[in-house]
């Protein structure tokens, strides 16, 4: 997980965020009384990977975090917000948590992170050319999503249907099953994702 360049001294270092994320994942498992084997079965992730992840020995990929979020019944934004301090009403750009999955070429900025009493959030996503990120199932069934492409071209698969979304286009749907995001162009694609909890 990376924090934006030029962060204020109040923001945690990337290492602190990694450590807190690892601790939160271990805590969520313990809260449910699950063993590593239980979580491995529910998330479809090996026990050894989960063990290394909870000890902050490895950084999770977007796909791995997606599987864990589904097992724990929360969105990725909710999970990432749980390792941050309470977000303010005004979220300055330098305080927006940025997470990078270098392996898949995906960068995720939490523009408007989850907040108690609010059902919506805004995420900025950037995919490098050729990047392809799939999620086996939504963290919450019926999750409402609005995807507004700001630059480039994005292919989104939702509900078994592929959509080609160009700059300025907006795709909206409720997510019930697997989804896929793929950068179509020779240039990166940048998009805003609006999430509304059911």
N, C-alpha and C. Protein backbone atom coordinates (compact mmCIF):
# COMPACT_ATOMS: atom_id res chain seq x y z
N UNK A 1 0.84 -1.16 0.00
CA UNK A 1 0.00 0.00 0.00
C UNK A 1 0.88 1.23 0.00
N UNK A 2 0.60 2.18 -0.87
CA UNK A 2 1.41 3.37 -0.95
C UNK A 2 0.57 4.57 -0.55
N UNK A 3 1.23 5.55 0.06
CA UNK A 3 0.57 6.79 0.44
C UNK A 3 1.00 7.85 -0.57
N UNK A 4 0.12 8.82 -0.91
CA UNK A 4 0.47 9.80 -1.90
C UNK A 4 1.77 10.51 -1.56
N UNK A 5 2.53 10.84 -2.63
CA UNK A 5 3.73 11.62 -2.43
C UNK A 5 3.35 12.95 -1.80
N UNK A 6 4.25 13.51 -1.03
CA UNK A 6 3.98 14.80 -0.41
C UNK A 6 2.99 14.71 0.73
N UNK A 7 2.87 13.52 1.34
CA UNK A 7 1.90 13.37 2.43
C UNK A 7 2.32 14.23 3.60
N UNK A 8 1.36 14.59 4.40
CA UNK A 8 1.65 15.38 5.59
C UNK A 8 2.26 14.47 6.65
N UNK A 9 2.84 15.04 7.65
CA UNK A 9 3.46 14.25 8.70
C UNK A 9 2.42 13.48 9.51
N UNK A 10 1.14 13.84 9.35
CA UNK A 10 0.08 13.15 10.09
C UNK A 10 -0.27 11.82 9.44
N UNK A 11 0.05 11.65 8.15
CA UNK A 11 -0.30 10.42 7.45
C UNK A 11 0.64 9.30 7.86
N UNK A 12 0.15 8.08 7.96
CA UNK A 12 1.01 6.95 8.30
C UNK A 12 1.93 6.61 7.14
N UNK A 13 3.07 6.02 7.44
CA UNK A 13 3.99 5.58 6.39
C UNK A 13 3.39 4.35 5.72
N UNK A 14 3.86 4.02 4.49
CA UNK A 14 3.34 2.81 3.84
C UNK A 14 3.54 1.56 4.70
N UNK A 15 4.66 1.48 5.41
CA UNK A 15 4.93 0.33 6.26
C UNK A 15 3.92 0.25 7.40
N UNK A 16 3.57 1.41 7.99
CA UNK A 16 2.58 1.43 9.06
C UNK A 16 1.22 0.93 8.56
N UNK A 17 0.83 1.37 7.37
CA UNK A 17 -0.45 0.97 6.81
C UNK A 17 -0.45 -0.54 6.54
N UNK A 18 0.66 -1.05 5.98
CA UNK A 18 0.77 -2.50 5.72
C UNK A 18 0.62 -3.28 7.02
N UNK A 19 1.30 -2.83 8.06
CA UNK A 19 1.26 -3.51 9.35
C UNK A 19 -0.14 -3.47 9.94
N UNK A 20 -0.80 -2.30 9.86
CA UNK A 20 -2.15 -2.17 10.41
C UNK A 20 -3.16 -2.98 9.61
N UNK A 21 -2.97 -3.07 8.27
CA UNK A 21 -3.85 -3.89 7.45
C UNK A 21 -3.70 -5.35 7.84
N UNK A 22 -2.47 -5.80 8.01
CA UNK A 22 -2.22 -7.19 8.40
C UNK A 22 -2.88 -7.49 9.74
N UNK A 23 -2.75 -6.57 10.69
CA UNK A 23 -3.34 -6.76 12.01
C UNK A 23 -4.87 -6.77 11.92
N UNK A 24 -5.45 -5.92 11.07
CA UNK A 24 -6.90 -5.87 10.94
C UNK A 24 -7.43 -7.16 10.33
N UNK A 25 -6.72 -7.69 9.33
CA UNK A 25 -7.15 -8.95 8.72
C UNK A 25 -7.11 -10.08 9.74
N UNK A 26 -6.05 -10.11 10.55
CA UNK A 26 -5.96 -11.13 11.60
C UNK A 26 -7.08 -10.94 12.62
N UNK A 27 -7.39 -9.68 12.94
CA UNK A 27 -8.46 -9.38 13.89
C UNK A 27 -9.83 -9.80 13.38
N UNK A 28 -10.09 -9.56 12.10
CA UNK A 28 -11.38 -9.96 11.52
C UNK A 28 -11.55 -11.48 11.58
N UNK A 29 -10.47 -12.19 11.31
CA UNK A 29 -10.53 -13.65 11.38
C UNK A 29 -10.79 -14.11 12.81
N UNK A 30 -10.07 -13.49 13.77
CA UNK A 30 -10.23 -13.87 15.18
C UNK A 30 -11.64 -13.55 15.69
N UNK A 31 -12.20 -12.39 15.26
CA UNK A 31 -13.55 -12.00 15.69
C UNK A 31 -14.58 -13.06 15.31
N UNK A 32 -14.34 -13.74 14.21
CA UNK A 32 -15.28 -14.76 13.74
C UNK A 32 -14.96 -16.14 14.28
N UNK A 33 -13.85 -16.26 14.98
CA UNK A 33 -13.45 -17.55 15.53
C UNK A 33 -12.97 -18.52 14.47
N UNK A 34 -12.49 -18.00 13.33
CA UNK A 34 -12.04 -18.83 12.23
C UNK A 34 -10.56 -19.15 12.39
N UNK A 35 -10.20 -20.36 12.05
CA UNK A 35 -8.78 -20.72 11.95
C UNK A 35 -8.27 -20.25 10.59
N UNK A 36 -6.97 -20.32 10.39
CA UNK A 36 -6.43 -20.01 9.06
C UNK A 36 -7.01 -20.96 8.01
N UNK A 37 -7.20 -22.23 8.39
CA UNK A 37 -7.78 -23.19 7.46
C UNK A 37 -9.22 -22.83 7.11
N UNK A 38 -9.98 -22.35 8.10
CA UNK A 38 -11.37 -21.92 7.85
C UNK A 38 -11.40 -20.79 6.83
N UNK A 39 -10.56 -19.77 7.06
CA UNK A 39 -10.54 -18.62 6.14
C UNK A 39 -10.03 -19.04 4.77
N UNK A 40 -9.03 -19.91 4.73
CA UNK A 40 -8.51 -20.40 3.45
C UNK A 40 -9.62 -21.04 2.63
N UNK A 41 -10.46 -21.85 3.28
CA UNK A 41 -11.57 -22.49 2.59
C UNK A 41 -12.62 -21.50 2.12
N UNK A 42 -12.89 -20.49 2.92
CA UNK A 42 -13.91 -19.51 2.56
C UNK A 42 -13.45 -18.56 1.46
N UNK A 43 -12.16 -18.21 1.46
CA UNK A 43 -11.64 -17.22 0.52
C UNK A 43 -10.97 -17.84 -0.70
N UNK A 44 -10.69 -19.15 -0.64
CA UNK A 44 -10.00 -19.77 -1.76
C UNK A 44 -8.55 -19.31 -1.87
N UNK A 45 -7.92 -19.09 -0.71
CA UNK A 45 -6.54 -18.63 -0.63
C UNK A 45 -5.78 -19.62 0.25
N UNK A 46 -4.54 -19.89 -0.09
CA UNK A 46 -3.80 -20.89 0.68
C UNK A 46 -3.55 -20.42 2.11
N UNK A 47 -3.48 -21.39 3.00
CA UNK A 47 -3.22 -21.11 4.41
C UNK A 47 -1.89 -20.39 4.59
N UNK A 48 -0.87 -20.81 3.85
CA UNK A 48 0.46 -20.18 4.00
C UNK A 48 0.44 -18.73 3.55
N UNK A 49 -0.30 -18.43 2.48
CA UNK A 49 -0.41 -17.04 2.02
C UNK A 49 -1.10 -16.19 3.08
N UNK A 50 -2.18 -16.71 3.65
CA UNK A 50 -2.89 -15.97 4.70
C UNK A 50 -1.99 -15.73 5.91
N UNK A 51 -1.24 -16.73 6.29
CA UNK A 51 -0.34 -16.60 7.43
C UNK A 51 0.71 -15.52 7.19
N UNK A 52 1.32 -15.54 6.00
CA UNK A 52 2.33 -14.53 5.66
C UNK A 52 1.71 -13.14 5.58
N UNK A 53 0.48 -13.07 5.08
CA UNK A 53 -0.22 -11.79 4.96
C UNK A 53 -0.50 -11.20 6.34
N UNK A 54 -0.98 -12.03 7.26
CA UNK A 54 -1.29 -11.55 8.62
C UNK A 54 -0.04 -11.14 9.38
N UNK A 55 1.11 -11.65 8.98
CA UNK A 55 2.38 -11.25 9.62
C UNK A 55 3.05 -10.10 8.87
N UNK A 56 2.36 -9.54 7.86
CA UNK A 56 2.86 -8.43 7.04
C UNK A 56 4.16 -8.79 6.32
N UNK A 57 4.30 -10.06 5.97
CA UNK A 57 5.48 -10.50 5.23
C UNK A 57 5.30 -10.31 3.73
N UNK A 58 4.03 -10.24 3.29
CA UNK A 58 3.73 -10.00 1.87
C UNK A 58 2.66 -8.91 1.79
N UNK A 59 2.61 -8.25 0.63
CA UNK A 59 1.56 -7.26 0.36
C UNK A 59 0.47 -7.93 -0.46
N UNK A 60 -0.79 -7.68 -0.14
CA UNK A 60 -1.86 -8.33 -0.89
C UNK A 60 -2.05 -7.71 -2.26
N UNK A 61 -2.45 -8.51 -3.23
CA UNK A 61 -2.85 -8.00 -4.54
C UNK A 61 -4.31 -7.57 -4.45
N UNK A 62 -4.78 -6.86 -5.47
CA UNK A 62 -6.19 -6.45 -5.50
C UNK A 62 -7.11 -7.66 -5.50
N UNK A 63 -6.74 -8.69 -6.27
CA UNK A 63 -7.58 -9.89 -6.33
C UNK A 63 -7.64 -10.59 -4.97
N UNK A 64 -6.50 -10.68 -4.29
CA UNK A 64 -6.46 -11.32 -2.97
C UNK A 64 -7.29 -10.54 -1.96
N UNK A 65 -7.14 -9.21 -1.95
CA UNK A 65 -7.95 -8.40 -1.04
C UNK A 65 -9.43 -8.55 -1.36
N UNK A 66 -9.75 -8.64 -2.65
CA UNK A 66 -11.14 -8.83 -3.05
C UNK A 66 -11.72 -10.12 -2.48
N UNK A 67 -10.95 -11.20 -2.52
CA UNK A 67 -11.41 -12.49 -1.98
C UNK A 67 -11.62 -12.40 -0.47
N UNK A 68 -10.69 -11.73 0.21
CA UNK A 68 -10.80 -11.60 1.66
C UNK A 68 -11.98 -10.71 2.04
N UNK A 69 -12.17 -9.63 1.30
CA UNK A 69 -13.31 -8.75 1.58
C UNK A 69 -14.63 -9.50 1.42
N UNK A 70 -14.71 -10.34 0.40
CA UNK A 70 -15.92 -11.14 0.20
C UNK A 70 -16.13 -12.08 1.38
N UNK A 71 -15.05 -12.74 1.82
CA UNK A 71 -15.17 -13.67 2.95
C UNK A 71 -15.62 -12.94 4.21
N UNK A 72 -15.15 -11.70 4.40
CA UNK A 72 -15.49 -10.94 5.60
C UNK A 72 -16.74 -10.07 5.43
N UNK A 73 -17.32 -10.01 4.21
CA UNK A 73 -18.55 -9.27 3.98
C UNK A 73 -18.42 -7.77 4.07
N UNK A 74 -17.33 -7.23 3.52
CA UNK A 74 -17.14 -5.79 3.50
C UNK A 74 -16.47 -5.38 2.20
N UNK A 75 -16.65 -4.11 1.82
CA UNK A 75 -15.99 -3.63 0.62
C UNK A 75 -14.51 -3.37 0.90
N UNK A 76 -13.73 -3.26 -0.17
CA UNK A 76 -12.31 -2.97 -0.01
C UNK A 76 -12.12 -1.61 0.67
N UNK A 77 -12.96 -0.66 0.30
CA UNK A 77 -12.86 0.66 0.92
C UNK A 77 -13.14 0.60 2.41
N UNK A 78 -14.13 -0.19 2.81
CA UNK A 78 -14.41 -0.33 4.23
C UNK A 78 -13.22 -0.92 4.96
N UNK A 79 -12.61 -1.96 4.38
CA UNK A 79 -11.46 -2.58 5.01
C UNK A 79 -10.31 -1.59 5.14
N UNK A 80 -10.01 -0.87 4.06
CA UNK A 80 -8.90 0.08 4.09
C UNK A 80 -9.18 1.23 5.05
N UNK A 81 -10.45 1.64 5.14
CA UNK A 81 -10.81 2.71 6.07
C UNK A 81 -10.62 2.27 7.52
N UNK A 82 -10.76 0.97 7.78
CA UNK A 82 -10.61 0.47 9.14
C UNK A 82 -9.17 0.52 9.64
N UNK A 83 -8.21 0.68 8.73
CA UNK A 83 -6.82 0.79 9.15
C UNK A 83 -6.36 2.24 9.19
N UNK A 84 -7.25 3.14 8.83
CA UNK A 84 -6.97 4.57 8.88
C UNK A 84 -7.69 5.18 10.08
N UNK A 85 -7.28 6.37 10.44
CA UNK A 85 -8.00 7.09 11.49
C UNK A 85 -9.33 7.57 10.91
N UNK A 86 -10.22 8.01 11.76
CA UNK A 86 -11.54 8.50 11.33
C UNK A 86 -11.37 9.58 10.26
N UNK A 87 -11.94 9.38 9.07
CA UNK A 87 -11.76 10.38 8.01
C UNK A 87 -12.53 11.67 8.33
N UNK A 88 -11.95 12.81 7.95
CA UNK A 88 -12.63 14.09 8.19
C UNK A 88 -13.74 14.31 7.17
N UNK A 89 -14.57 15.32 7.40
CA UNK A 89 -15.62 15.67 6.45
C UNK A 89 -15.01 16.12 5.12
N UNK A 90 -13.98 16.96 5.19
CA UNK A 90 -13.26 17.41 4.00
C UNK A 90 -12.01 16.56 3.86
N UNK A 91 -11.93 15.80 2.77
CA UNK A 91 -10.79 14.90 2.58
C UNK A 91 -9.85 15.55 1.56
N UNK A 92 -8.80 16.19 2.05
CA UNK A 92 -7.84 16.84 1.17
C UNK A 92 -7.10 15.80 0.34
N UNK A 93 -6.70 16.16 -0.87
CA UNK A 93 -6.08 15.21 -1.78
C UNK A 93 -4.84 14.55 -1.17
N UNK A 94 -4.07 15.29 -0.40
CA UNK A 94 -2.87 14.73 0.22
C UNK A 94 -3.16 13.73 1.33
N UNK A 95 -4.42 13.66 1.77
CA UNK A 95 -4.81 12.72 2.84
C UNK A 95 -5.57 11.51 2.30
N UNK A 96 -5.74 11.43 0.99
CA UNK A 96 -6.48 10.32 0.40
C UNK A 96 -5.56 9.12 0.26
N UNK A 97 -5.95 8.02 0.86
CA UNK A 97 -5.14 6.81 0.84
C UNK A 97 -5.02 6.26 -0.57
N UNK A 98 -3.80 5.99 -0.99
CA UNK A 98 -3.54 5.40 -2.30
C UNK A 98 -2.94 4.02 -2.09
N UNK A 99 -3.50 3.03 -2.79
CA UNK A 99 -3.01 1.66 -2.70
C UNK A 99 -2.65 1.20 -4.10
N UNK A 100 -1.49 0.58 -4.23
CA UNK A 100 -1.02 0.12 -5.54
C UNK A 100 -0.81 -1.39 -5.53
N UNK A 101 -1.33 -2.03 -6.56
CA UNK A 101 -1.05 -3.43 -6.81
C UNK A 101 -0.13 -3.45 -8.02
N UNK A 102 1.17 -3.44 -7.77
CA UNK A 102 2.15 -3.37 -8.86
C UNK A 102 2.04 -4.57 -9.78
N UNK A 103 1.72 -5.73 -9.25
CA UNK A 103 1.66 -6.95 -10.06
C UNK A 103 0.60 -6.84 -11.16
N UNK A 104 -0.55 -6.26 -10.85
CA UNK A 104 -1.62 -6.17 -11.84
C UNK A 104 -1.70 -4.80 -12.52
N UNK A 105 -0.89 -3.84 -12.06
CA UNK A 105 -0.91 -2.52 -12.68
C UNK A 105 -2.12 -1.69 -12.31
N UNK A 106 -2.60 -1.86 -11.08
CA UNK A 106 -3.80 -1.17 -10.61
C UNK A 106 -3.45 -0.22 -9.47
N UNK A 107 -3.91 1.03 -9.58
CA UNK A 107 -3.75 2.01 -8.52
C UNK A 107 -5.13 2.47 -8.10
N UNK A 108 -5.35 2.54 -6.80
CA UNK A 108 -6.66 2.87 -6.24
C UNK A 108 -6.53 3.99 -5.22
N UNK A 109 -7.20 5.11 -5.46
CA UNK A 109 -7.19 6.24 -4.53
C UNK A 109 -8.56 6.35 -3.88
N UNK A 110 -8.61 6.37 -2.56
CA UNK A 110 -9.87 6.50 -1.84
C UNK A 110 -10.18 7.99 -1.70
N UNK A 111 -10.90 8.53 -2.68
CA UNK A 111 -11.19 9.97 -2.75
C UNK A 111 -12.15 10.37 -1.63
N UNK A 112 -13.22 9.62 -1.49
CA UNK A 112 -14.20 9.86 -0.43
C UNK A 112 -14.39 8.54 0.30
N UNK A 113 -13.56 8.29 1.35
CA UNK A 113 -13.60 6.99 2.02
C UNK A 113 -14.90 6.76 2.78
N UNK A 114 -15.17 5.50 3.12
CA UNK A 114 -16.37 5.21 3.91
C UNK A 114 -16.39 6.04 5.19
N UNK A 115 -17.59 6.43 5.59
CA UNK A 115 -17.76 7.26 6.77
C UNK A 115 -19.03 6.82 7.48
N UNK A 116 -19.00 6.74 8.79
CA UNK A 116 -20.22 6.33 9.51
C UNK A 116 -21.42 7.20 9.13
N UNK A 117 -22.52 6.57 8.86
CA UNK A 117 -23.75 7.30 8.54
C UNK A 117 -23.90 7.62 7.07
N UNK A 118 -22.86 7.40 6.25
CA UNK A 118 -22.95 7.67 4.82
C UNK A 118 -22.89 6.34 4.07
N UNK A 119 -23.69 6.22 3.01
CA UNK A 119 -23.75 4.96 2.27
C UNK A 119 -22.88 4.95 1.03
N UNK A 120 -22.40 6.12 0.58
CA UNK A 120 -21.65 6.20 -0.66
C UNK A 120 -20.18 6.51 -0.44
N UNK A 121 -19.39 6.19 -1.44
CA UNK A 121 -17.97 6.52 -1.43
C UNK A 121 -17.51 6.69 -2.87
N UNK A 122 -16.39 7.36 -3.04
CA UNK A 122 -15.82 7.58 -4.37
C UNK A 122 -14.39 7.08 -4.38
N UNK A 123 -14.06 6.33 -5.42
CA UNK A 123 -12.73 5.77 -5.59
C UNK A 123 -12.24 6.18 -6.97
N UNK A 124 -10.97 6.56 -7.07
CA UNK A 124 -10.35 6.78 -8.38
C UNK A 124 -9.50 5.55 -8.69
N UNK A 125 -9.70 4.98 -9.87
CA UNK A 125 -8.92 3.83 -10.29
C UNK A 125 -8.09 4.18 -11.51
N UNK A 126 -6.88 3.64 -11.56
CA UNK A 126 -6.02 3.77 -12.74
C UNK A 126 -5.47 2.39 -13.06
N UNK A 127 -5.65 1.98 -14.31
CA UNK A 127 -5.11 0.71 -14.79
C UNK A 127 -4.10 1.00 -15.90
N UNK A 128 -2.92 0.37 -15.81
CA UNK A 128 -1.92 0.50 -16.86
C UNK A 128 -2.39 -0.25 -18.09
N UNK A 129 -1.85 0.09 -19.27
CA UNK A 129 -2.21 -0.67 -20.48
C UNK A 129 -1.96 -2.15 -20.29
N UNK A 130 -2.94 -2.96 -20.68
CA UNK A 130 -2.83 -4.40 -20.54
C UNK A 130 -3.26 -4.93 -19.18
N UNK A 131 -3.52 -4.04 -18.22
CA UNK A 131 -3.93 -4.49 -16.89
C UNK A 131 -5.30 -5.14 -16.94
N UNK A 132 -5.46 -6.17 -16.13
CA UNK A 132 -6.68 -6.97 -16.13
C UNK A 132 -6.91 -7.46 -14.69
N UNK A 133 -7.94 -6.96 -14.02
CA UNK A 133 -8.21 -7.30 -12.63
C UNK A 133 -9.60 -7.93 -12.54
N UNK A 134 -9.67 -9.13 -11.94
CA UNK A 134 -10.94 -9.83 -11.79
C UNK A 134 -11.26 -10.06 -10.33
N UNK A 135 -12.54 -10.02 -10.01
CA UNK A 135 -13.04 -10.31 -8.67
C UNK A 135 -14.05 -11.45 -8.80
N UNK A 136 -13.85 -12.50 -8.02
CA UNK A 136 -14.69 -13.69 -8.12
C UNK A 136 -16.15 -13.41 -7.75
N UNK A 137 -16.37 -12.58 -6.75
CA UNK A 137 -17.72 -12.22 -6.34
C UNK A 137 -17.66 -10.89 -5.60
N UNK A 138 -18.79 -10.20 -5.52
CA UNK A 138 -18.77 -8.89 -4.84
C UNK A 138 -18.64 -9.07 -3.33
N UNK A 139 -18.07 -8.08 -2.66
CA UNK A 139 -17.98 -8.16 -1.21
C UNK A 139 -19.36 -8.16 -0.56
N UNK A 140 -20.30 -7.45 -1.18
CA UNK A 140 -21.70 -7.41 -0.73
C UNK A 140 -22.58 -7.56 -1.96
N UNK A 141 -23.47 -8.53 -1.94
CA UNK A 141 -24.35 -8.73 -3.10
C UNK A 141 -25.30 -7.55 -3.24
N UNK A 142 -25.48 -7.12 -4.50
CA UNK A 142 -26.36 -6.00 -4.77
C UNK A 142 -25.68 -4.65 -4.62
N UNK A 143 -24.37 -4.64 -4.49
CA UNK A 143 -23.61 -3.40 -4.35
C UNK A 143 -23.82 -2.54 -5.59
N UNK A 144 -24.26 -1.30 -5.39
CA UNK A 144 -24.49 -0.38 -6.51
C UNK A 144 -23.18 0.29 -6.89
N UNK A 145 -22.87 0.28 -8.19
CA UNK A 145 -21.64 0.92 -8.68
C UNK A 145 -21.94 1.80 -9.88
N UNK A 146 -21.25 2.94 -9.94
CA UNK A 146 -21.31 3.85 -11.08
C UNK A 146 -19.86 4.08 -11.49
N UNK A 147 -19.52 3.76 -12.73
CA UNK A 147 -18.14 3.89 -13.20
C UNK A 147 -18.12 4.96 -14.30
N UNK A 148 -17.40 6.04 -14.03
CA UNK A 148 -17.29 7.17 -14.95
C UNK A 148 -15.85 7.22 -15.43
N UNK A 149 -15.64 6.93 -16.71
CA UNK A 149 -14.28 6.94 -17.26
C UNK A 149 -13.86 8.37 -17.55
N UNK A 150 -12.73 8.77 -16.98
CA UNK A 150 -12.22 10.13 -17.12
C UNK A 150 -11.22 10.24 -18.27
N UNK A 151 -10.39 9.22 -18.44
CA UNK A 151 -9.40 9.19 -19.52
C UNK A 151 -9.20 7.74 -19.95
N UNK A 152 -9.05 7.51 -21.26
CA UNK A 152 -8.77 6.18 -21.75
C UNK A 152 -10.02 5.37 -22.00
N UNK A 153 -9.84 4.05 -22.08
CA UNK A 153 -10.96 3.14 -22.36
C UNK A 153 -10.87 1.94 -21.42
N UNK A 154 -12.02 1.55 -20.89
CA UNK A 154 -12.10 0.49 -19.90
C UNK A 154 -13.12 -0.55 -20.35
N UNK A 155 -12.75 -1.81 -20.22
CA UNK A 155 -13.71 -2.88 -20.43
C UNK A 155 -14.12 -3.40 -19.06
N UNK A 156 -15.43 -3.39 -18.82
CA UNK A 156 -15.97 -3.87 -17.54
C UNK A 156 -16.89 -5.04 -17.84
N UNK A 157 -16.69 -6.12 -17.10
CA UNK A 157 -17.60 -7.26 -17.19
C UNK A 157 -18.37 -7.34 -15.88
N UNK A 158 -19.68 -7.29 -15.98
CA UNK A 158 -20.55 -7.37 -14.80
C UNK A 158 -21.82 -8.10 -15.22
N UNK A 159 -22.28 -9.02 -14.39
CA UNK A 159 -23.49 -9.77 -14.72
C UNK A 159 -23.32 -10.61 -15.98
N UNK A 160 -22.07 -11.00 -16.29
CA UNK A 160 -21.82 -11.81 -17.48
C UNK A 160 -21.81 -11.03 -18.77
N UNK A 161 -21.93 -9.70 -18.70
CA UNK A 161 -21.97 -8.85 -19.90
C UNK A 161 -20.72 -7.97 -19.92
N UNK A 162 -20.09 -7.87 -21.10
CA UNK A 162 -18.93 -6.99 -21.27
C UNK A 162 -19.38 -5.64 -21.78
N UNK A 163 -18.86 -4.59 -21.16
CA UNK A 163 -19.16 -3.22 -21.57
C UNK A 163 -17.85 -2.52 -21.90
N UNK A 164 -17.81 -1.82 -23.02
CA UNK A 164 -16.66 -0.99 -23.35
C UNK A 164 -17.03 0.45 -22.99
N UNK A 165 -16.32 1.00 -22.04
CA UNK A 165 -16.66 2.32 -21.50
C UNK A 165 -15.54 3.29 -21.87
N UNK A 166 -15.87 4.29 -22.69
CA UNK A 166 -14.89 5.26 -23.15
C UNK A 166 -14.89 6.52 -22.30
N UNK A 167 -13.95 7.41 -22.58
CA UNK A 167 -13.83 8.66 -21.83
C UNK A 167 -15.14 9.43 -21.88
N UNK A 168 -15.62 9.81 -20.70
CA UNK A 168 -16.87 10.54 -20.58
C UNK A 168 -18.09 9.66 -20.36
N UNK A 169 -17.97 8.36 -20.69
CA UNK A 169 -19.09 7.43 -20.51
C UNK A 169 -19.23 7.02 -19.05
N UNK A 170 -20.47 6.68 -18.66
CA UNK A 170 -20.73 6.20 -17.31
C UNK A 170 -21.52 4.90 -17.38
N UNK A 171 -21.02 3.89 -16.70
CA UNK A 171 -21.70 2.60 -16.61
C UNK A 171 -22.21 2.45 -15.19
N UNK A 172 -23.47 2.03 -15.04
CA UNK A 172 -24.02 1.86 -13.68
C UNK A 172 -24.78 0.55 -13.60
N UNK A 173 -24.66 -0.09 -12.44
CA UNK A 173 -25.28 -1.41 -12.26
C UNK A 173 -25.24 -1.79 -10.79
N UNK A 174 -25.96 -2.86 -10.47
CA UNK A 174 -25.84 -3.52 -9.16
C UNK A 174 -25.04 -4.79 -9.39
N UNK A 175 -24.10 -5.03 -8.52
CA UNK A 175 -23.19 -6.16 -8.69
C UNK A 175 -23.67 -7.36 -7.88
N UNK A 176 -23.93 -8.47 -8.58
CA UNK A 176 -24.42 -9.68 -7.93
C UNK A 176 -23.44 -10.85 -8.02
N UNK A 177 -22.52 -10.79 -8.98
CA UNK A 177 -21.58 -11.89 -9.15
C UNK A 177 -20.21 -11.36 -9.56
N UNK A 178 -19.40 -12.17 -10.23
CA UNK A 178 -18.02 -11.79 -10.54
C UNK A 178 -17.96 -10.55 -11.44
N UNK A 179 -16.83 -9.85 -11.38
CA UNK A 179 -16.63 -8.67 -12.21
C UNK A 179 -15.18 -8.63 -12.68
N UNK A 180 -14.95 -7.85 -13.73
CA UNK A 180 -13.61 -7.76 -14.31
C UNK A 180 -13.41 -6.36 -14.86
N UNK A 181 -12.21 -5.82 -14.66
CA UNK A 181 -11.84 -4.50 -15.16
C UNK A 181 -10.58 -4.68 -16.01
N UNK A 182 -10.61 -4.19 -17.27
CA UNK A 182 -9.46 -4.36 -18.16
C UNK A 182 -9.21 -3.07 -18.94
N UNK A 183 -7.95 -2.64 -18.96
CA UNK A 183 -7.56 -1.46 -19.73
C UNK A 183 -7.48 -1.84 -21.19
N UNK A 184 -8.21 -1.12 -22.04
CA UNK A 184 -8.29 -1.47 -23.45
C UNK A 184 -7.25 -0.77 -24.33
N UNK A 185 -6.83 0.41 -23.91
CA UNK A 185 -6.04 1.22 -24.83
C UNK A 185 -4.54 1.12 -24.69
N UNK A 186 -3.87 1.83 -25.57
CA UNK A 186 -2.41 1.91 -25.46
C UNK A 186 -1.99 2.81 -24.30
N UNK A 187 -2.94 3.60 -23.79
CA UNK A 187 -2.67 4.50 -22.66
C UNK A 187 -3.39 3.98 -21.42
N UNK A 188 -2.95 4.42 -20.23
CA UNK A 188 -3.68 4.03 -19.01
C UNK A 188 -5.12 4.51 -19.05
N UNK A 189 -5.98 3.86 -18.30
CA UNK A 189 -7.36 4.32 -18.14
C UNK A 189 -7.51 4.83 -16.70
N UNK A 190 -8.17 5.97 -16.58
CA UNK A 190 -8.43 6.56 -15.26
C UNK A 190 -9.94 6.73 -15.14
N UNK A 191 -10.49 6.28 -14.03
CA UNK A 191 -11.94 6.32 -13.88
C UNK A 191 -12.32 6.62 -12.43
N UNK A 192 -13.52 7.13 -12.26
CA UNK A 192 -14.10 7.35 -10.94
C UNK A 192 -15.14 6.25 -10.73
N UNK A 193 -15.05 5.62 -9.57
CA UNK A 193 -15.99 4.57 -9.18
C UNK A 193 -16.79 5.06 -7.99
N UNK A 194 -18.08 5.21 -8.16
CA UNK A 194 -18.97 5.58 -7.07
C UNK A 194 -19.64 4.31 -6.56
N UNK A 195 -19.51 4.05 -5.27
CA UNK A 195 -20.07 2.86 -4.64
C UNK A 195 -21.15 3.28 -3.66
N UNK A 196 -22.31 2.63 -3.75
CA UNK A 196 -23.41 2.90 -2.84
C UNK A 196 -23.78 1.58 -2.17
N UNK A 197 -23.69 1.53 -0.85
CA UNK A 197 -24.01 0.31 -0.13
C UNK A 197 -25.51 0.01 -0.22
N UNK A 198 -25.88 -1.29 -0.30
CA UNK A 198 -27.30 -1.65 -0.38
C UNK A 198 -28.01 -1.35 0.93
